Protein backbone atom coordinates (compact mmCIF):
# COMPACT_ATOMS: atom_id res chain seq x y z
CA MET A 1 86.04 51.64 51.60
CA LYS A 2 86.95 48.92 49.11
CA GLU A 3 90.15 48.20 51.03
CA THR A 4 88.08 47.87 54.23
CA ILE A 5 85.74 45.35 52.62
CA LEU A 6 88.70 43.37 51.21
CA SER A 7 90.27 43.34 54.68
CA ILE A 8 87.03 42.06 56.23
CA ILE A 9 86.83 39.27 53.65
CA SER A 10 90.48 38.22 53.69
CA ASN A 11 90.73 38.30 57.48
CA LYS A 12 87.20 36.93 57.99
CA LEU A 13 86.30 39.79 60.31
CA ILE A 14 82.66 38.79 60.53
CA THR A 15 80.60 37.28 63.33
CA THR A 16 77.68 34.89 62.93
CA VAL A 17 74.82 35.14 65.40
CA PHE A 18 71.92 32.69 65.54
CA GLN A 19 68.26 33.33 66.27
CA PRO A 20 66.12 30.32 67.24
CA ILE A 21 62.94 29.39 65.34
CA PHE A 22 60.32 27.82 67.59
CA ASP A 23 57.49 25.34 67.18
CA ILE A 24 55.03 26.81 69.70
CA GLU A 25 52.67 23.83 69.39
CA ASN A 26 55.26 21.40 70.78
CA GLU A 27 57.36 24.09 72.55
CA VAL A 28 60.63 23.09 70.91
CA ILE A 29 63.33 24.73 68.78
CA VAL A 30 63.14 23.57 65.17
CA GLY A 31 66.08 25.52 63.78
CA TYR A 32 68.27 28.63 63.80
CA GLU A 33 68.63 31.46 61.33
CA ALA A 34 72.25 32.48 60.78
CA LEU A 35 72.71 36.26 60.71
CA THR A 36 75.94 38.07 59.84
CA ARG A 37 77.47 40.99 61.72
CA GLY A 38 80.46 43.03 60.54
CA PRO A 39 83.43 44.13 62.66
CA LYS A 40 82.29 45.28 66.09
CA LYS A 41 82.35 49.03 66.81
CA SER A 42 82.62 49.79 63.10
CA THR A 43 80.26 51.54 60.69
CA LEU A 44 79.86 48.22 58.86
CA TYR A 45 78.64 46.24 61.87
CA THR A 46 75.02 46.07 60.67
CA PRO A 47 74.46 43.57 57.83
CA ASP A 48 72.54 46.01 55.60
CA LEU A 49 75.42 48.50 55.47
CA LEU A 50 78.02 45.74 55.15
CA PHE A 51 76.33 44.06 52.18
CA GLN A 52 75.50 47.37 50.49
CA ALA A 53 79.14 48.39 50.64
CA ALA A 54 80.27 44.99 49.31
CA GLU A 55 77.82 45.20 46.40
CA LYS A 56 78.94 48.73 45.56
CA HIS A 57 82.54 47.53 45.17
CA ASP A 58 81.66 44.25 43.36
CA LEU A 59 82.65 42.11 46.34
CA LEU A 60 79.22 40.72 47.19
CA SER A 61 80.00 37.20 45.96
CA GLU A 62 83.16 36.96 48.06
CA LEU A 63 81.45 38.31 51.19
CA ASP A 64 78.43 36.06 50.78
CA LEU A 65 80.64 32.99 50.50
CA ILE A 66 82.57 33.61 53.73
CA CYS A 67 79.26 34.33 55.51
CA ARG A 68 77.90 30.94 54.42
CA ALA A 69 81.10 29.18 55.44
CA ASN A 70 81.16 30.83 58.86
CA ALA A 71 77.48 30.12 59.48
CA ILE A 72 77.90 26.41 58.72
CA SER A 73 81.11 25.98 60.74
CA GLN A 74 79.72 27.84 63.79
CA PHE A 75 76.46 25.88 63.66
CA VAL A 76 78.46 22.65 63.83
CA LYS A 77 80.89 23.99 66.43
CA LEU A 78 78.05 25.02 68.76
CA LYS A 79 76.33 21.64 68.20
CA LEU A 80 73.02 23.34 67.46
CA THR A 81 70.05 21.14 66.63
CA GLY A 82 67.31 21.43 64.04
CA LYS A 83 67.66 23.13 60.68
CA LEU A 84 70.17 25.82 59.74
CA PHE A 85 68.61 28.73 57.84
CA ILE A 86 71.12 30.48 55.57
CA ASN A 87 70.36 33.72 53.71
CA ILE A 88 71.69 33.81 50.14
CA CYS A 89 71.67 36.95 48.01
CA LEU A 90 69.76 36.53 44.76
CA ASN A 91 72.37 38.57 42.92
CA VAL A 92 75.04 36.11 44.05
CA MET A 93 72.98 33.03 43.29
CA LEU A 94 72.46 34.14 39.70
CA ASN A 95 75.95 35.57 39.16
CA LYS A 96 77.66 33.59 36.38
CA ASP A 97 81.08 34.34 37.87
CA HIS A 98 80.16 33.03 41.32
CA PRO A 99 81.67 29.58 41.98
CA HIS A 100 78.73 27.16 41.96
CA GLY A 101 78.46 24.08 44.17
CA GLU A 102 80.22 25.81 47.08
CA THR A 103 77.28 25.48 49.49
CA ILE A 104 76.91 21.71 49.11
CA LYS A 105 80.69 21.35 49.40
CA LEU A 106 80.76 23.37 52.65
CA VAL A 107 77.81 21.41 54.07
CA GLU A 108 79.32 18.01 53.29
CA GLN A 109 82.75 19.01 54.63
CA SER A 110 81.14 20.09 57.90
CA GLY A 111 79.39 16.76 58.43
CA LEU A 112 75.89 18.19 58.03
CA SER A 113 73.38 16.78 55.59
CA PRO A 114 71.64 19.02 53.01
CA GLN A 115 68.31 18.06 54.61
CA GLN A 116 69.42 20.06 57.69
CA VAL A 117 69.88 23.27 55.70
CA VAL A 118 67.29 25.78 54.47
CA ILE A 119 68.21 28.25 51.73
CA GLU A 120 66.48 31.60 52.33
CA ILE A 121 65.97 34.05 49.48
CA SER A 122 64.64 37.47 50.38
CA GLU A 123 61.75 39.17 48.63
CA LYS A 124 63.38 42.54 49.38
CA SER A 125 65.55 42.04 46.29
CA PRO A 126 64.05 42.20 42.78
CA PHE A 127 63.26 38.71 41.52
CA PRO A 128 64.60 37.90 38.04
CA ASN A 129 62.88 35.92 35.32
CA ASN A 130 61.04 33.02 36.97
CA ASP A 131 62.58 30.37 34.71
CA ILE A 132 66.12 31.47 35.57
CA LEU A 133 65.41 31.56 39.30
CA LEU A 134 63.49 28.28 39.27
CA LYS A 135 66.38 26.56 37.51
CA ALA A 136 68.81 27.85 40.16
CA LEU A 137 66.58 26.79 43.04
CA ASN A 138 65.99 23.35 41.54
CA LYS A 139 69.74 22.71 41.78
CA TYR A 140 69.55 23.32 45.53
CA ARG A 141 66.46 21.10 45.78
CA GLN A 142 68.22 18.28 43.93
CA PHE A 143 70.91 18.29 46.61
CA GLY A 144 68.20 18.01 49.32
CA PHE A 145 68.06 21.61 50.58
CA ASP A 146 64.72 23.15 51.57
CA ILE A 147 63.82 26.52 50.03
CA ALA A 148 62.34 29.44 51.97
CA ILE A 149 61.02 32.80 50.78
CA ASP A 150 62.03 35.40 53.35
CA ASP A 151 60.29 38.75 53.99
CA LEU A 152 57.08 37.78 52.17
CA GLY A 153 55.17 40.97 51.43
CA ALA A 154 58.20 43.27 51.45
CA GLY A 155 57.67 44.30 47.88
CA TYR A 156 58.93 42.72 44.69
CA SER A 157 57.21 39.39 44.30
CA GLY A 158 54.60 38.51 46.87
CA LEU A 159 52.06 35.84 46.11
CA LYS A 160 53.19 35.50 42.50
CA GLN A 161 56.58 34.10 43.55
CA TRP A 162 54.96 31.88 46.16
CA SER A 163 52.75 30.38 43.48
CA SER A 164 55.51 29.81 40.93
CA LEU A 165 58.44 28.82 43.17
CA ARG A 166 56.44 26.59 45.56
CA PRO A 167 58.78 27.11 48.54
CA ASP A 168 58.90 24.64 51.43
CA ILE A 169 58.86 27.51 53.94
CA VAL A 170 57.49 31.07 53.84
CA LYS A 171 58.57 33.72 56.33
CA ILE A 172 56.15 36.62 56.75
CA ASP A 173 57.69 40.09 56.58
CA ARG A 174 57.93 42.02 59.85
CA TYR A 175 55.65 44.74 58.44
CA PHE A 176 52.60 42.48 58.77
CA ILE A 177 53.60 41.32 62.26
CA ASP A 178 54.26 44.80 63.68
CA GLN A 179 51.25 45.78 65.85
CA CYS A 180 49.07 43.24 64.04
CA ASP A 181 46.98 43.04 67.24
CA GLN A 182 45.86 46.64 66.58
CA ASP A 183 45.23 46.42 62.84
CA ILE A 184 42.22 44.55 61.40
CA MET A 185 43.64 44.60 57.85
CA LYS A 186 46.89 42.97 58.98
CA ARG A 187 44.92 40.40 60.95
CA GLU A 188 42.86 39.45 57.88
CA PHE A 189 45.96 39.32 55.67
CA LEU A 190 47.68 37.01 58.15
CA LYS A 191 44.64 34.71 58.17
CA ILE A 192 44.96 34.40 54.39
CA LEU A 193 48.70 33.64 54.59
CA PHE A 194 48.21 30.86 57.15
CA GLU A 195 45.44 29.37 54.99
CA LEU A 196 47.63 29.58 51.85
CA GLY A 197 50.39 27.79 53.76
CA ARG A 198 48.04 24.94 54.55
CA ILE A 199 46.78 24.69 50.97
CA SER A 200 50.28 24.77 49.44
CA ASN A 201 51.87 22.52 52.10
CA ALA A 202 54.33 25.29 53.01
CA HIS A 203 55.35 25.90 56.60
CA ILE A 204 54.64 29.50 57.65
CA ILE A 205 57.07 31.24 60.00
CA ALA A 206 55.98 34.48 61.62
CA GLU A 207 59.22 36.38 62.20
CA GLY A 208 59.90 39.65 63.95
CA ILE A 209 57.50 39.07 66.86
CA GLU A 210 58.35 41.65 69.50
CA THR A 211 55.36 41.88 71.84
CA LYS A 212 53.11 39.63 73.88
CA GLU A 213 50.05 40.98 72.06
CA GLU A 214 51.48 40.14 68.62
CA PHE A 215 52.37 36.62 69.77
CA GLU A 216 48.93 35.94 71.26
CA LEU A 217 47.09 37.14 68.16
CA LEU A 218 49.29 35.07 65.83
CA ARG A 219 48.80 32.02 68.02
CA GLU A 220 45.06 32.63 67.88
CA LEU A 221 45.25 32.74 64.07
CA GLY A 222 46.98 29.37 63.93
CA MET A 223 50.70 30.20 64.04
CA VAL A 224 52.88 27.14 64.65
CA TYR A 225 56.38 28.43 63.82
CA SER A 226 57.64 31.70 65.27
CA GLN A 227 60.75 33.84 65.51
CA GLY A 228 61.47 37.21 67.10
CA PHE A 229 62.86 39.21 70.00
CA PHE A 230 59.84 38.35 72.15
CA LEU A 231 60.97 34.71 72.16
CA ALA A 232 64.75 35.01 71.82
CA LYS A 233 67.25 37.54 70.46
CA PRO A 234 70.05 36.65 68.01
CA SER A 235 73.21 35.66 69.85
CA GLU A 236 76.62 34.07 69.32
CA THR A 237 75.50 31.60 72.01
CA PRO A 238 71.80 31.24 71.24
CA ALA A 239 69.05 29.78 73.41
CA ARG A 240 68.70 26.01 73.30
CA THR A 241 65.37 25.57 75.09
CA TYR A 242 61.85 26.91 74.70
CA PRO A 243 61.50 30.17 76.66
CA THR A 244 59.17 30.85 79.57
CA LEU A 245 56.78 33.42 78.11
CA ASP A 246 54.58 35.92 79.92
CA ILE A 247 51.50 35.06 77.90
CA CYS A 248 47.93 34.01 78.46
CA SER A 249 47.89 30.20 78.62
CA TYR A 250 45.36 28.20 76.67
CA SER A 251 43.53 27.31 79.87
CA GLU A 252 43.21 31.01 80.77
CA LYS A 253 41.68 31.97 77.42
CA GLU A 254 37.92 32.31 77.62
CA SER A 255 35.90 30.14 75.28
CA ARG A 256 32.16 30.12 74.92
CA LEU A 257 32.47 26.89 72.91
CA GLY A 258 34.26 25.02 75.67
CA THR A 259 37.53 23.14 75.55
CA ILE A 260 38.66 20.27 73.35
CA ALA A 261 38.03 17.92 76.29
CA THR A 262 34.30 18.04 75.49
CA LEU A 263 34.89 16.21 72.18
CA VAL A 264 37.36 13.53 73.32
CA THR A 265 36.57 9.95 72.29
CA SER A 266 38.36 6.72 73.16
CA THR A 267 39.99 4.44 70.62
CA LEU A 268 42.24 1.39 70.55
CA THR A 269 45.92 2.16 71.22
CA ILE A 270 49.17 0.28 70.75
CA LYS A 271 52.47 0.21 72.64
CA TYR A 272 55.52 1.58 70.87
CA ASP A 273 57.30 -1.82 70.92
CA GLN A 274 54.38 -3.93 69.68
CA SER A 275 54.58 -5.59 66.29
CA VAL A 276 53.21 -3.72 63.29
CA ASN A 277 51.14 -6.84 62.65
CA ASP A 278 49.16 -5.98 65.81
CA ALA A 279 48.24 -2.61 64.32
CA TYR A 280 47.25 -4.31 61.07
CA ASP A 281 45.03 -6.77 62.97
CA ILE A 282 43.29 -3.87 64.76
CA PHE A 283 42.45 -2.24 61.43
CA ILE A 284 41.15 -5.54 60.02
CA LYS A 285 38.96 -6.34 63.06
CA SER A 286 37.76 -2.74 63.63
CA PRO A 287 36.73 -1.07 60.34
CA HIS A 288 35.64 2.08 62.21
CA VAL A 289 39.19 2.71 63.49
CA HIS A 290 41.17 5.00 61.17
CA ALA A 291 44.11 5.89 63.42
CA ILE A 292 45.90 4.18 66.31
CA PRO A 293 47.82 6.26 68.89
CA VAL A 294 51.25 4.85 69.75
CA LEU A 295 52.02 5.09 73.49
CA ASN A 296 54.90 4.60 75.86
CA GLU A 297 53.44 4.18 79.36
CA MET A 298 50.49 6.46 78.51
CA LYS A 299 52.69 9.08 76.86
CA PRO A 300 51.78 9.55 73.18
CA LEU A 301 54.66 9.22 70.72
CA GLY A 302 52.88 9.20 67.38
CA MET A 303 50.07 7.77 65.27
CA ILE A 304 49.61 4.93 62.78
CA TYR A 305 47.06 5.64 60.05
CA ARG A 306 44.84 3.06 58.37
CA ASN A 307 45.30 4.23 54.78
CA GLU A 308 49.10 4.26 54.90
CA LEU A 309 49.46 0.89 56.63
CA MET A 310 46.86 -0.90 54.52
CA GLU A 311 48.53 0.40 51.36
CA SER A 312 51.90 -0.92 52.55
CA TYR A 313 50.41 -4.34 53.33
CA SER A 314 48.74 -4.51 49.91
CA ASP A 315 52.14 -4.81 48.28
CA ILE A 316 53.20 -8.34 47.43
CA TYR A 317 56.09 -8.17 49.90
CA GLY A 318 54.36 -5.83 52.37
CA ARG A 319 53.59 -8.30 55.14
CA ALA A 320 57.05 -9.85 54.99
CA LEU A 321 58.72 -6.42 55.18
CA PHE A 322 56.59 -5.03 58.00
CA SER A 323 56.14 -8.10 60.18
CA LYS A 324 59.62 -7.60 61.64
CA LYS A 325 59.03 -3.92 62.47
CA ILE A 326 57.52 -2.46 65.63
CA ALA A 327 55.03 0.41 65.93
CA ILE A 328 57.60 3.13 66.61
CA ASP A 329 59.39 2.27 63.34
CA ILE A 330 56.47 3.18 61.09
CA MET A 331 54.39 5.68 63.11
CA PHE A 332 53.88 9.31 62.07
CA ASN A 333 55.86 11.10 64.78
CA LYS A 334 54.37 14.57 64.43
CA PRO A 335 50.62 14.24 65.01
CA MET A 336 48.82 17.21 66.50
CA ILE A 337 48.98 16.75 70.29
CA VAL A 338 47.04 19.27 72.38
CA GLU A 339 46.29 19.79 76.06
CA HIS A 340 42.71 18.98 77.07
CA THR A 341 42.17 22.54 78.36
CA MET A 342 42.78 24.18 74.97
CA PRO A 343 39.73 26.11 73.66
CA LEU A 344 38.01 24.64 70.61
CA GLU A 345 38.64 27.83 68.64
CA GLN A 346 42.39 27.50 69.19
CA VAL A 347 42.48 23.83 68.21
CA SER A 348 40.56 24.69 65.05
CA ALA A 349 43.10 27.41 64.18
CA LEU A 350 46.03 25.01 64.70
CA LEU A 351 44.34 22.31 62.65
CA THR A 352 43.64 24.56 59.67
CA ALA A 353 47.25 25.82 59.76
CA ARG A 354 48.57 22.30 59.16
CA ALA A 355 49.38 20.82 55.77
CA ASN A 356 46.57 19.45 53.61
CA SER A 357 47.88 15.92 53.98
CA GLU A 358 47.46 16.15 57.78
CA PHE A 359 44.15 18.00 57.80
CA THR A 360 41.99 14.87 58.06
CA HIS A 361 44.09 13.23 60.76
CA PRO A 362 42.66 13.08 64.30
CA SER A 363 44.39 14.95 67.12
CA ILE A 364 45.73 13.32 70.26
CA ILE A 365 44.47 14.91 73.48
CA ILE A 366 46.59 14.83 76.63
CA GLU A 367 46.21 15.75 80.29
CA ASN A 368 49.46 16.59 82.06
CA ASP A 369 51.38 14.95 79.17
CA LEU A 370 49.44 11.68 79.51
CA TYR A 371 47.17 10.25 76.81
CA LEU A 372 43.48 11.05 77.25
CA GLY A 373 41.90 10.20 73.87
CA ILE A 374 41.49 11.54 70.34
CA VAL A 375 39.32 14.08 68.53
CA SER A 376 38.42 13.77 64.87
CA PRO A 377 38.57 16.87 62.65
CA ARG A 378 34.98 16.17 61.63
CA ASP A 379 33.71 16.41 65.23
CA LEU A 380 35.76 19.55 65.84
CA LEU A 381 34.61 21.37 62.70
CA ARG A 382 30.98 20.30 63.26
CA SER A 383 31.07 21.82 66.75
CA ILE A 384 32.65 25.04 65.47
CA THR A 385 30.15 25.28 62.60
CA GLU A 386 27.14 24.77 64.86
CA SER A 387 28.40 27.49 67.17
CA LYS A 388 28.95 29.93 64.30
CA LEU A 389 25.46 29.24 62.96
CA GLU A 390 24.01 29.99 66.39
CA LYS A 391 25.99 33.23 66.58
CA ALA A 392 24.85 34.25 63.11
CA ARG A 393 21.23 33.56 64.09
CA TYR A 394 21.44 36.09 66.93
CA ALA A 395 23.82 38.61 65.32
CA ASN A 396 22.79 42.19 64.54
CA PRO A 397 21.98 42.24 60.80
CA LEU A 398 23.62 45.63 60.22
CA THR A 399 27.00 45.18 61.91
CA GLY A 400 27.20 41.40 62.28
CA LEU A 401 28.05 41.83 65.97
CA PRO A 402 26.45 39.60 68.64
CA GLY A 403 22.92 40.73 69.55
CA ASN A 404 20.89 40.73 72.78
CA VAL A 405 20.62 36.94 73.23
CA VAL A 406 24.39 36.43 73.03
CA ILE A 407 25.06 39.55 75.15
CA GLU A 408 22.79 38.22 77.89
CA LYS A 409 24.52 34.81 77.82
CA GLU A 410 27.94 36.44 78.01
CA ILE A 411 27.09 38.58 81.04
CA ASP A 412 25.31 35.71 82.83
CA TYR A 413 28.37 33.51 82.18
CA MET A 414 30.70 36.05 83.81
CA LEU A 415 28.38 36.43 86.80
CA ARG A 416 27.95 32.67 87.20
CA LYS A 417 31.73 32.18 87.18
CA GLN A 418 32.11 35.27 89.42
CA LYS A 419 34.66 36.77 87.04
CA ASN A 420 35.06 40.51 87.46
CA PHE A 421 34.78 42.73 84.39
CA HIS A 422 34.15 46.27 83.18
CA LEU A 423 31.14 46.94 81.00
CA ALA A 424 30.91 49.97 78.71
CA TYR A 425 27.55 51.08 77.32
CA LEU A 426 27.94 53.20 74.15
CA ASP A 427 25.14 55.37 72.76
CA LEU A 428 25.01 58.15 70.16
CA ASN A 429 23.79 61.62 71.10
CA HIS A 430 21.51 63.44 68.65
CA PHE A 431 21.29 60.47 66.29
CA LYS A 432 17.62 61.04 65.40
CA PRO A 433 18.26 64.56 64.02
CA PHE A 434 21.19 63.15 62.05
CA ASN A 435 18.87 60.57 60.46
CA ASP A 436 16.26 63.27 59.74
CA ILE A 437 18.81 65.49 57.98
CA TYR A 438 20.96 62.91 56.18
CA GLY A 439 18.62 59.93 55.82
CA TYR A 440 18.61 56.41 57.24
CA ALA A 441 21.08 55.03 54.67
CA LYS A 442 23.76 57.42 55.88
CA GLY A 443 22.69 56.71 59.44
CA ASP A 444 23.44 53.03 58.85
CA LEU A 445 26.88 53.94 57.47
CA LEU A 446 27.56 55.98 60.61
CA LEU A 447 26.61 53.01 62.80
CA LYS A 448 28.95 50.76 60.81
CA ALA A 449 31.72 53.34 61.23
CA LEU A 450 31.13 53.32 65.00
CA ALA A 451 31.22 49.51 65.05
CA ASN A 452 34.51 49.63 63.13
CA CYS A 453 36.00 52.15 65.61
CA ILE A 454 35.03 49.83 68.47
CA MET A 455 36.42 46.68 66.82
CA ILE A 456 39.74 48.26 65.82
CA ASN A 457 40.39 49.48 69.36
CA THR A 458 39.23 46.34 71.16
CA ASN A 459 40.77 43.81 68.77
CA ASN A 460 42.59 41.06 70.70
CA LYS A 461 42.40 43.00 73.96
CA HIS A 462 40.30 40.48 75.90
CA CYS A 463 37.06 42.24 75.02
CA PHE A 464 33.59 41.13 74.01
CA VAL A 465 31.64 43.54 71.78
CA GLY A 466 27.89 43.44 71.26
CA HIS A 467 25.31 45.48 69.33
CA ILE A 468 22.14 45.87 71.39
CA GLY A 469 20.23 47.50 68.57
CA GLY A 470 19.88 50.93 66.96
CA ASP A 471 22.78 53.11 68.08
CA ASP A 472 23.48 51.18 71.30
CA PHE A 473 26.57 48.99 71.76
CA ILE A 474 28.30 47.32 74.70
CA ILE A 475 31.91 46.32 75.35
CA MET A 476 32.83 43.85 78.07
CA PHE A 477 36.44 44.33 79.20
CA LYS A 478 38.33 41.49 80.87
CA SER A 479 41.46 43.62 81.31
CA ASN A 480 42.12 46.92 83.06
CA ASN A 481 43.00 49.34 80.23
CA VAL A 482 39.36 50.40 79.93
CA GLU A 483 39.70 54.17 80.12
CA VAL A 484 42.52 54.29 77.54
CA ILE A 485 40.54 52.22 75.02
CA CYS A 486 37.32 54.18 75.57
CA GLN A 487 39.11 57.50 75.06
CA LYS A 488 40.64 56.15 71.85
CA ILE A 489 37.19 55.08 70.59
CA LEU A 490 35.86 58.56 71.35
CA GLN A 491 38.75 60.20 69.46
CA ASP A 492 38.42 57.89 66.45
CA PHE A 493 34.66 58.32 66.24
CA ALA A 494 34.98 62.12 66.47
CA LYS A 495 37.15 61.98 63.31
CA GLN A 496 35.21 59.28 61.47
CA SER A 497 31.80 60.88 62.01
CA LEU A 498 32.88 64.06 60.18
CA VAL A 499 33.11 62.03 56.94
CA TYR A 500 29.30 61.87 56.95
CA ILE A 501 28.63 65.51 57.89
CA HIS A 502 28.58 68.46 55.45
CA LYS A 503 31.22 71.15 55.84
CA GLU A 504 28.64 73.86 56.58
CA HIS A 505 27.23 71.77 59.45
CA GLN A 506 30.73 71.18 60.75
CA ILE A 507 31.34 74.94 60.77
CA GLN A 508 28.00 75.56 62.51
CA GLN A 509 28.69 72.65 64.89
CA GLY A 510 25.17 71.41 64.29
CA TYR A 511 22.01 71.59 62.17
CA SER A 512 18.34 72.47 62.47
CA ALA A 513 15.60 69.85 62.31
CA LEU A 514 11.93 69.65 63.24
CA ASP A 515 11.14 68.09 66.60
CA ARG A 516 8.15 65.84 67.27
CA ARG A 517 5.91 68.90 67.62
CA GLY A 518 6.99 70.29 64.25
CA THR A 519 9.08 73.08 65.77
CA GLU A 520 12.47 73.80 64.21
CA VAL A 521 15.21 73.11 66.74
CA PHE A 522 19.00 73.43 66.45
CA HIS A 523 20.83 70.20 67.34
CA PRO A 524 24.55 69.74 68.02
CA LEU A 525 26.54 67.35 65.84
CA VAL A 526 26.13 63.65 66.50
CA SER A 527 28.50 62.51 69.26
CA LEU A 528 29.24 59.45 71.36
CA ALA A 529 28.51 58.88 75.05
CA ILE A 530 30.13 56.00 76.96
CA GLY A 531 29.12 54.91 80.44
CA VAL A 532 31.36 52.37 82.20
CA ILE A 533 30.65 50.18 85.22
CA GLN A 534 32.78 47.68 87.13
CA PRO A 535 30.33 45.52 89.07
CA ASP A 536 31.45 43.15 91.80
CA ALA A 537 30.42 39.86 90.18
CA ALA A 538 29.74 38.28 93.58
CA CYS A 539 27.05 40.89 94.35
CA TYR A 540 24.93 40.57 91.21
CA ALA A 541 22.71 37.68 90.22
CA SER A 542 21.50 38.47 86.72
CA TYR A 543 22.03 40.21 83.43
CA HIS A 544 19.06 42.48 84.22
CA GLN A 545 20.75 44.05 87.25
CA ILE A 546 23.90 44.72 85.22
CA ALA A 547 21.85 46.20 82.37
CA ASP A 548 20.10 48.57 84.78
CA LEU A 549 23.38 49.77 86.29
CA ALA A 550 24.98 50.22 82.85
CA SER A 551 21.98 52.23 81.62
CA LYS A 552 22.37 54.61 84.55
CA ALA A 553 26.08 55.09 83.80
CA LYS A 554 25.25 55.75 80.15
CA SER A 555 22.65 58.34 81.18
CA GLU A 556 25.28 60.15 83.25
CA ALA A 557 27.61 60.22 80.23
CA LYS A 558 24.83 61.68 78.05
CA LYS A 559 24.41 64.60 80.45
CA GLN A 560 27.79 65.88 79.28
CA SER A 561 28.14 67.67 75.96
CA GLY A 562 29.98 66.24 72.95
CA ASN A 563 31.90 62.98 72.99
CA SER A 564 32.03 61.98 76.64
CA LEU A 565 33.01 59.23 79.05
CA PHE A 566 31.53 58.55 82.50
CA ILE A 567 33.03 55.86 84.75
CA CYS A 568 30.84 54.66 87.62
CA ARG A 569 32.93 53.77 90.67
CA ARG A 570 30.11 51.94 92.48
CA ARG A 571 30.67 48.19 92.42
CA LYS A 572 28.21 46.67 94.88
CA LEU A 573 24.45 46.18 94.59
CA GLN A 574 22.25 48.85 96.20
CA SER A 575 18.61 48.73 97.21
CA SER A 576 17.65 50.83 94.18
CA ASP A 577 18.99 48.08 91.93
CA THR A 578 16.52 45.49 93.27
CA LYS A 579 13.45 47.08 91.70
CA THR A 580 11.71 45.56 88.71
CA PRO A 581 14.63 44.74 86.42
CA ASN A 582 15.11 46.70 83.21
CA GLU A 583 17.09 45.60 80.25
CA PHE A 584 19.50 47.90 78.44
CA GLU A 585 17.73 51.09 77.45
CA THR A 586 17.90 51.87 73.76
CA ASN A 587 18.09 55.60 73.33
CA ALA A 588 18.23 57.21 69.89
CA ALA A 589 18.82 60.75 71.07
């Protein structure tokens, strides 16, 4: 095997493939990660096996060096744009016998600048003493390289290394991306990582995205930089443009808060070729203006900020230096630019994912790529906060889910817009005997467990979940996989409910309790009934009619024994539905 590795190194029998890294906010490629492959049709084709074999025979340093050289030369040969991400083994970086200064030499010989290269160190390898590693990384930083921690969360270092090494870029390990749309814990962890990125001014890259659902959830959480098979696979001739993705567009995403267009305000603008003195004069004459969009025939190019320009002009030579410049020379060329149809929630997520230094900057709003106006972070966050306070006011105090007021608004909204949907009404069977036997405290825990089962299975699946009260819940589905999700909720609840039931009652499949007349009656174990309707939105006028139909479907489900599902196939309004309207029945069976 050693001879094979030596042959691969001496004859450079490796291939470099590149995987694009995308900025989904601006729909552009920002860089490429270089990935090594061994000889084709050999047992050492995969990089893990190749590098393991090289390390075993003390040839890791030699292999790593030819991989770097090939990555740099191919990047230049292919004329790829953006940054080049190179993986470097920690063992090699800290090896005293490894020739140091080779990376900067290779970069300079190729014609690249160090600012175009990102050094990736993987968390999959054990990190050495922080001082030793920090000293090594500082050498790379002094040359101008950016530093990235790869595979964050894979094991050895985690947040400790992030805190001490202060990387420019953090790449989240595939483990946290995989099926994150189906896992509440992963979702919450990802929220924390995006927030930490903003606080520490580190760019977060979500890598290993393989499905539409993962992508949409990450975008919802504020992802800006992404990488994975769903967008583009590694290739010797990689993609050079942003892909056409089969995803829900911002304008298609439902938002009860409305779109960013509702908060747009006008402000003074400047042409890209106007003198910087004109921008200075605007700030002097208009104290309320804190940012000036820079336009080229109504297309936004960037932003000039009051604080930065006024500070420059305060210098003794400031006016003389800047008077000869035009707006495009000094503008910030990466402001947040968003389409006017984007939901407020999504804009908020993108804003909070940005660096601290950019957090207070207003966003530019466009319509069909043309300038529309700006939105200040203060107005955006005030709107979001007011909405959350309203939701909290009407939320169920036990589960925190939206209560009757919000449920009614949601259903009326769908009817008013004539958007078709499925509505599931969930109710527990034999819940009163359960409370009598086990007490109300355990009953509350069971209701929380049911709410958790619902949320896990409906997370990021275009669903609205509400808690009517007691043991009654509703789910509004805006997609068609209703039966699959409902069956999964039934299965999960059947398992979760047993946690709260004594073994002897599980064996007996029930328990005895006194009824309202004081007679001892045997009751089956608590179970879940789900009734589903799919009303034709054009045929119904109010929430009350929908509630009446859903209650009837739920009643049909409760006629069955155990955990059960009933799907009503009737879609149009019948004469029996026009009687005095009833709201959702609450039934604590």
